[in-house]
Protein backbone atom coordinates (compact mmCIF):
# COMPACT_ATOMS: atom_id res chain seq x y z
CA MET A 1 91.59 126.88 165.61
CA LYS A 2 93.76 129.21 167.70
CA ASP A 3 95.27 126.24 169.52
CA SER A 4 96.14 124.62 166.19
CA VAL A 5 97.82 127.80 164.98
CA LYS A 6 99.79 128.10 168.22
CA LEU A 7 100.87 124.48 167.99
CA TRP A 8 101.92 124.94 164.36
CA LEU A 9 103.90 128.09 165.20
CA ALA A 10 105.54 126.38 168.16
CA ARG A 11 106.63 123.56 165.89
CA TYR A 12 107.71 125.51 162.80
CA GLY A 13 108.14 129.08 164.04
CA LEU A 14 111.94 128.94 164.32
CA PHE A 15 112.20 127.37 160.88
CA LEU A 16 110.08 130.14 159.34
CA LEU A 17 112.12 132.84 161.03
CA LEU A 18 115.37 131.31 159.85
CA MET A 19 114.00 130.90 156.32
CA ILE A 20 112.90 134.56 156.18
CA LEU A 21 116.29 135.65 157.51
CA LEU A 22 118.14 133.59 154.89
CA LEU A 23 115.96 134.99 152.09
CA VAL A 24 116.60 138.55 153.26
CA ILE A 25 120.37 137.95 153.39
CA TRP A 26 120.24 136.29 149.97
CA GLU A 27 118.36 139.23 148.47
CA TRP A 28 120.73 141.73 150.08
CA ILE A 29 123.88 139.94 148.86
CA VAL A 30 122.63 139.85 145.26
CA ARG A 31 121.45 143.47 145.29
CA MET A 32 124.81 144.58 146.69
CA GLY A 33 126.45 142.95 143.68
CA TRP A 34 128.58 140.55 145.71
CA VAL A 35 127.22 137.65 143.63
CA PRO A 36 126.30 138.17 139.94
CA SER A 37 122.58 137.74 139.34
CA PHE A 38 123.21 135.43 136.38
CA ILE A 39 124.85 132.96 138.80
CA ILE A 40 122.37 133.21 141.68
CA PRO A 41 119.33 135.43 141.09
CA ALA A 42 117.62 137.28 143.92
CA PRO A 43 114.53 135.68 145.50
CA THR A 44 112.37 138.53 144.20
CA ALA A 45 113.64 137.89 140.65
CA ILE A 46 112.83 134.19 141.01
CA ALA A 47 109.34 135.04 142.26
CA SER A 48 108.84 137.44 139.36
CA SER A 49 109.94 134.79 136.85
CA LEU A 50 107.68 132.24 138.49
CA TYR A 51 104.74 134.59 138.06
CA GLU A 52 105.74 135.42 134.49
CA HIS A 53 105.89 131.74 133.44
CA ARG A 54 103.07 130.59 135.72
CA ARG A 55 100.81 129.29 132.95
CA LEU A 56 103.54 127.30 131.23
CA LEU A 57 104.94 125.94 134.47
CA LEU A 58 101.68 125.14 136.25
CA ALA A 59 99.62 124.01 133.26
CA THR A 60 102.21 122.06 131.24
CA HIS A 61 105.44 121.20 133.02
CA LEU A 62 104.29 120.63 136.61
CA PRO A 63 101.52 118.16 135.62
CA ALA A 64 103.99 116.24 133.44
CA THR A 65 106.48 115.87 136.28
CA LEU A 66 103.72 115.02 138.76
CA MET A 67 102.40 112.27 136.47
CA GLU A 68 105.87 110.71 136.19
CA VAL A 69 106.27 110.85 139.96
CA VAL A 70 102.84 109.39 140.73
CA ILE A 71 103.14 106.49 138.27
CA GLY A 72 106.72 105.66 139.26
CA PHE A 73 105.89 105.94 142.96
CA GLY A 74 102.82 103.73 142.61
CA LEU A 75 104.79 101.06 140.76
CA SER A 76 107.59 101.22 143.32
CA ILE A 77 105.10 100.75 146.18
CA GLY A 78 103.57 97.69 144.53
CA ALA A 79 106.91 96.13 143.62
CA GLY A 80 108.48 97.08 146.95
CA ILE A 81 105.73 95.51 149.05
CA ALA A 82 105.68 92.36 146.89
CA LEU A 83 109.47 91.90 147.05
CA ALA A 84 109.69 92.64 150.78
CA THR A 85 106.84 90.23 151.55
CA GLY A 86 108.32 87.53 149.33
CA MET A 87 111.77 87.86 150.94
CA HIS A 88 110.22 87.76 154.40
CA MET A 89 108.12 84.68 153.67
CA ASN A 90 110.76 82.73 151.79
CA ARG A 91 114.42 82.72 152.74
CA SER A 92 115.44 81.45 149.30
CA ILE A 93 113.82 84.46 147.62
CA GLU A 94 115.71 86.77 149.96
CA LYS A 95 119.06 85.07 149.19
CA ALA A 96 118.38 85.21 145.45
CA LEU A 97 116.96 88.74 145.08
CA TYR A 98 118.38 90.90 147.88
CA PRO A 99 121.86 91.18 146.28
CA PHE A 100 120.26 92.25 142.98
CA ILE A 101 118.24 94.91 144.80
CA VAL A 102 121.42 96.31 146.34
CA ILE A 103 123.31 96.13 143.03
CA SER A 104 120.53 98.09 141.31
CA GLN A 105 121.36 101.07 143.53
CA THR A 106 125.10 101.01 142.80
CA ILE A 107 124.65 101.85 139.10
CA PRO A 108 124.59 105.63 138.51
CA LEU A 109 121.22 106.79 137.23
CA ILE A 110 122.94 109.25 134.93
CA ALA A 111 124.36 106.24 133.10
CA LEU A 112 121.10 104.26 133.00
CA SER A 113 118.88 107.08 131.74
CA PRO A 114 120.19 106.87 128.14
CA VAL A 115 119.55 103.12 128.27
CA PHE A 116 115.94 103.70 129.29
CA ILE A 117 115.59 106.24 126.48
CA LEU A 118 116.91 103.61 124.06
CA TRP A 119 114.37 101.08 125.33
CA PHE A 120 111.30 103.30 125.77
CA GLY A 121 112.12 106.29 123.56
CA TYR A 122 111.40 109.89 124.53
CA THR A 123 108.14 108.90 126.18
CA LEU A 124 106.65 109.03 129.64
CA TRP A 125 107.90 105.53 130.44
CA SER A 126 111.59 106.36 130.12
CA LYS A 127 111.15 108.87 132.96
CA VAL A 128 108.93 106.49 134.94
CA ALA A 129 111.65 103.84 134.72
CA VAL A 130 114.17 106.23 136.29
CA VAL A 131 111.68 107.19 139.02
CA PHE A 132 110.92 103.55 139.74
CA LEU A 133 114.57 102.51 139.96
CA ILE A 134 115.44 105.26 142.42
CA ALA A 135 112.25 104.97 144.49
CA PHE A 136 111.61 101.28 145.08
CA PHE A 137 114.80 100.55 147.05
CA PRO A 138 113.83 102.50 150.24
CA ILE A 139 110.40 100.87 150.19
CA VAL A 140 111.78 97.35 149.82
CA VAL A 141 114.40 97.73 152.53
CA SER A 142 112.19 99.58 155.04
CA THR A 143 109.25 97.18 154.58
CA TYR A 144 111.48 94.11 154.79
CA ASP A 145 113.20 95.40 157.95
CA GLY A 146 109.82 96.27 159.45
CA LEU A 147 108.44 92.80 158.83
CA ARG A 148 111.45 91.30 160.61
CA GLN A 149 110.70 93.26 163.79
CA GLY A 150 108.08 90.82 165.05
CA ASP A 151 108.34 90.00 168.74
CA PRO A 152 109.25 86.27 169.13
CA GLU A 153 107.27 86.06 172.38
CA GLN A 154 104.13 87.44 170.77
CA ARG A 155 104.64 85.10 167.84
CA GLU A 156 104.92 82.10 170.18
CA LEU A 157 101.82 83.25 172.03
CA LEU A 158 99.80 83.43 168.82
CA LEU A 159 101.07 80.00 167.78
CA THR A 160 99.95 78.48 171.07
CA MET A 161 96.53 80.02 170.50
CA GLY A 162 96.27 78.21 167.18
CA ALA A 163 97.09 81.11 164.86
CA SER A 164 98.24 80.25 161.35
CA LYS A 165 101.26 81.73 159.61
CA TRP A 166 98.96 84.08 157.69
CA ASP A 167 97.24 85.18 160.93
CA ILE A 168 100.58 86.04 162.50
CA PHE A 169 101.64 87.94 159.39
CA ARG A 170 98.38 89.90 159.24
CA LYS A 171 97.82 90.62 162.93
CA LEU A 172 101.36 90.94 164.23
CA GLN A 173 103.99 91.57 161.57
CA ILE A 174 102.10 93.98 159.31
CA PRO A 175 101.13 96.39 162.17
CA LEU A 176 104.69 96.34 163.49
CA ALA A 177 106.07 97.05 160.02
CA LEU A 178 103.90 100.10 159.34
CA THR A 179 106.26 102.60 160.98
CA SER A 180 109.22 101.44 158.88
CA PHE A 181 107.01 101.23 155.80
CA PHE A 182 105.88 104.84 156.05
CA SER A 183 109.45 105.97 156.74
CA GLY A 184 110.46 104.32 153.48
CA LEU A 185 107.55 105.98 151.68
CA LYS A 186 108.61 109.43 152.91
CA MET A 187 112.16 108.92 151.65
CA SER A 188 111.00 107.33 148.43
CA VAL A 189 108.54 110.05 147.42
CA VAL A 190 111.28 112.70 147.65
CA TYR A 191 113.61 110.53 145.57
CA CYS A 192 110.82 110.25 142.98
CA VAL A 193 111.05 113.98 142.28
CA VAL A 194 114.83 113.66 141.88
CA GLY A 195 114.43 110.72 139.51
CA ALA A 196 111.83 112.49 137.39
CA THR A 197 114.08 115.54 137.12
CA ILE A 198 117.06 113.42 136.02
CA GLY A 199 114.95 111.67 133.40
CA GLU A 200 113.62 114.96 132.03
CA TRP A 201 117.08 116.51 131.94
CA LEU A 202 118.45 113.69 129.80
CA GLY A 203 115.53 112.96 127.54
CA GLY A 204 112.34 114.91 127.99
CA SER A 205 110.13 117.20 125.98
CA LYS A 206 108.20 118.60 128.93
CA GLY A 207 108.38 118.68 132.69
CA LEU A 208 110.06 120.91 135.25
CA GLY A 209 113.44 119.23 134.71
CA TYR A 210 113.20 119.78 130.97
CA PHE A 211 112.15 123.41 131.50
CA SER A 212 115.07 124.09 133.85
CA ARG A 213 117.52 122.53 131.38
CA ARG A 214 116.15 124.63 128.53
CA MET A 215 116.34 127.81 130.62
CA SER A 216 119.89 126.92 131.67
CA SER A 217 120.89 126.60 128.01
CA ASN A 218 119.37 130.02 127.35
CA MET A 219 121.19 131.51 130.38
CA ASN A 220 117.81 132.43 131.88
CA THR A 221 118.81 131.81 135.47
CA ASP A 222 115.66 133.37 136.97
CA ALA A 223 113.38 130.94 135.15
CA MET A 224 115.70 128.01 135.88
CA PHE A 225 115.54 128.73 139.61
CA ALA A 226 111.77 129.17 139.36
CA ALA A 227 111.51 125.58 138.10
CA ILE A 228 113.83 124.42 140.89
CA VAL A 229 111.62 126.12 143.47
CA LEU A 230 108.57 124.34 142.08
CA LEU A 231 110.41 120.99 142.18
CA SER A 232 111.31 121.62 145.80
CA LEU A 233 107.74 122.59 146.69
CA LEU A 234 106.46 119.47 144.91
CA GLY A 235 108.77 117.26 146.96
CA ILE A 236 107.75 118.99 150.19
CA ALA A 237 104.04 118.68 149.36
CA LEU A 238 104.34 114.96 148.62
CA PHE A 239 106.35 114.38 151.79
CA VAL A 240 103.74 116.22 153.87
CA LEU A 241 100.97 114.18 152.21
CA ILE A 242 102.64 110.88 153.15
CA ALA A 243 103.26 112.14 156.69
CA TRP A 244 99.57 113.13 156.95
CA LEU A 245 98.49 109.70 155.71
CA GLU A 246 100.78 108.08 158.28
CA ARG A 247 99.22 110.10 161.11
CA ARG A 248 95.70 109.51 159.80
CA PHE A 249 96.24 105.77 159.45
CA GLY A 250 97.84 105.57 162.89
CA THR A 251 94.92 107.46 164.45
CA GLN A 252 92.36 105.16 162.83
CA ARG A 253 94.31 102.07 163.90
CA HIS A 254 94.47 103.22 167.53
CA ALA A 255 90.76 104.09 167.43
CA GLY A 256 90.00 100.61 166.13
CA ARG A 257 92.00 99.07 168.97
CA ARG A 258 90.11 101.09 171.57
CA LYS A 259 86.75 99.98 170.10
CA ALA A 260 87.92 96.36 170.12
CA ARG A 261 88.67 96.65 173.83
């Protein structure tokens, strides 16, 4: 336990010190009146507002945003893996679909959100559509690039041993693609929080983005920043979860290889 704590402090100690220092400077600047509190509230004021609205934020708005993120992220994983695999297996699919995938990311989400509201109404699915559109691109590209990293010599070796195309894909290309795949997941899950916030800002009735927009309209800067802090913590928690799954999966895979030997 002590070794784990020491390792954790060695890895994140400087970050924590810098974060504490920045918060102290931030608090001091606001209390000195150099920046009006209605523009940037002090960290203690944000913490106080977070505690004051804890039931509304944690029981209503955070679950709504989390649901949008989880559904959109799950759909983006499924679609991303399917598209990447299809483009890898069939060159014609790649030529036909890859340009559309790139084009989908050139359209500003702020312009598409009203379109999704027109199609799906002020429902969960209008926000999920925004999350999906912003999240699936990193998964598609990272998975597709990972699948293309197969070693030609290993591929030739497996072919000479009588391996089928499916065997090569399963035993060679998928393991090699996992690193790129998880990198795409870590980027994508953070973008999901951004997409959910955009969707809630433009057409939501609940969620942390909707709450921050409503507080901004009421000039309640403390509460608005409290929602922003929760959004940031949500993104960090999801990123850490994916990173943990990556390490856990990698550990199990290496353990399986050692047993096979």
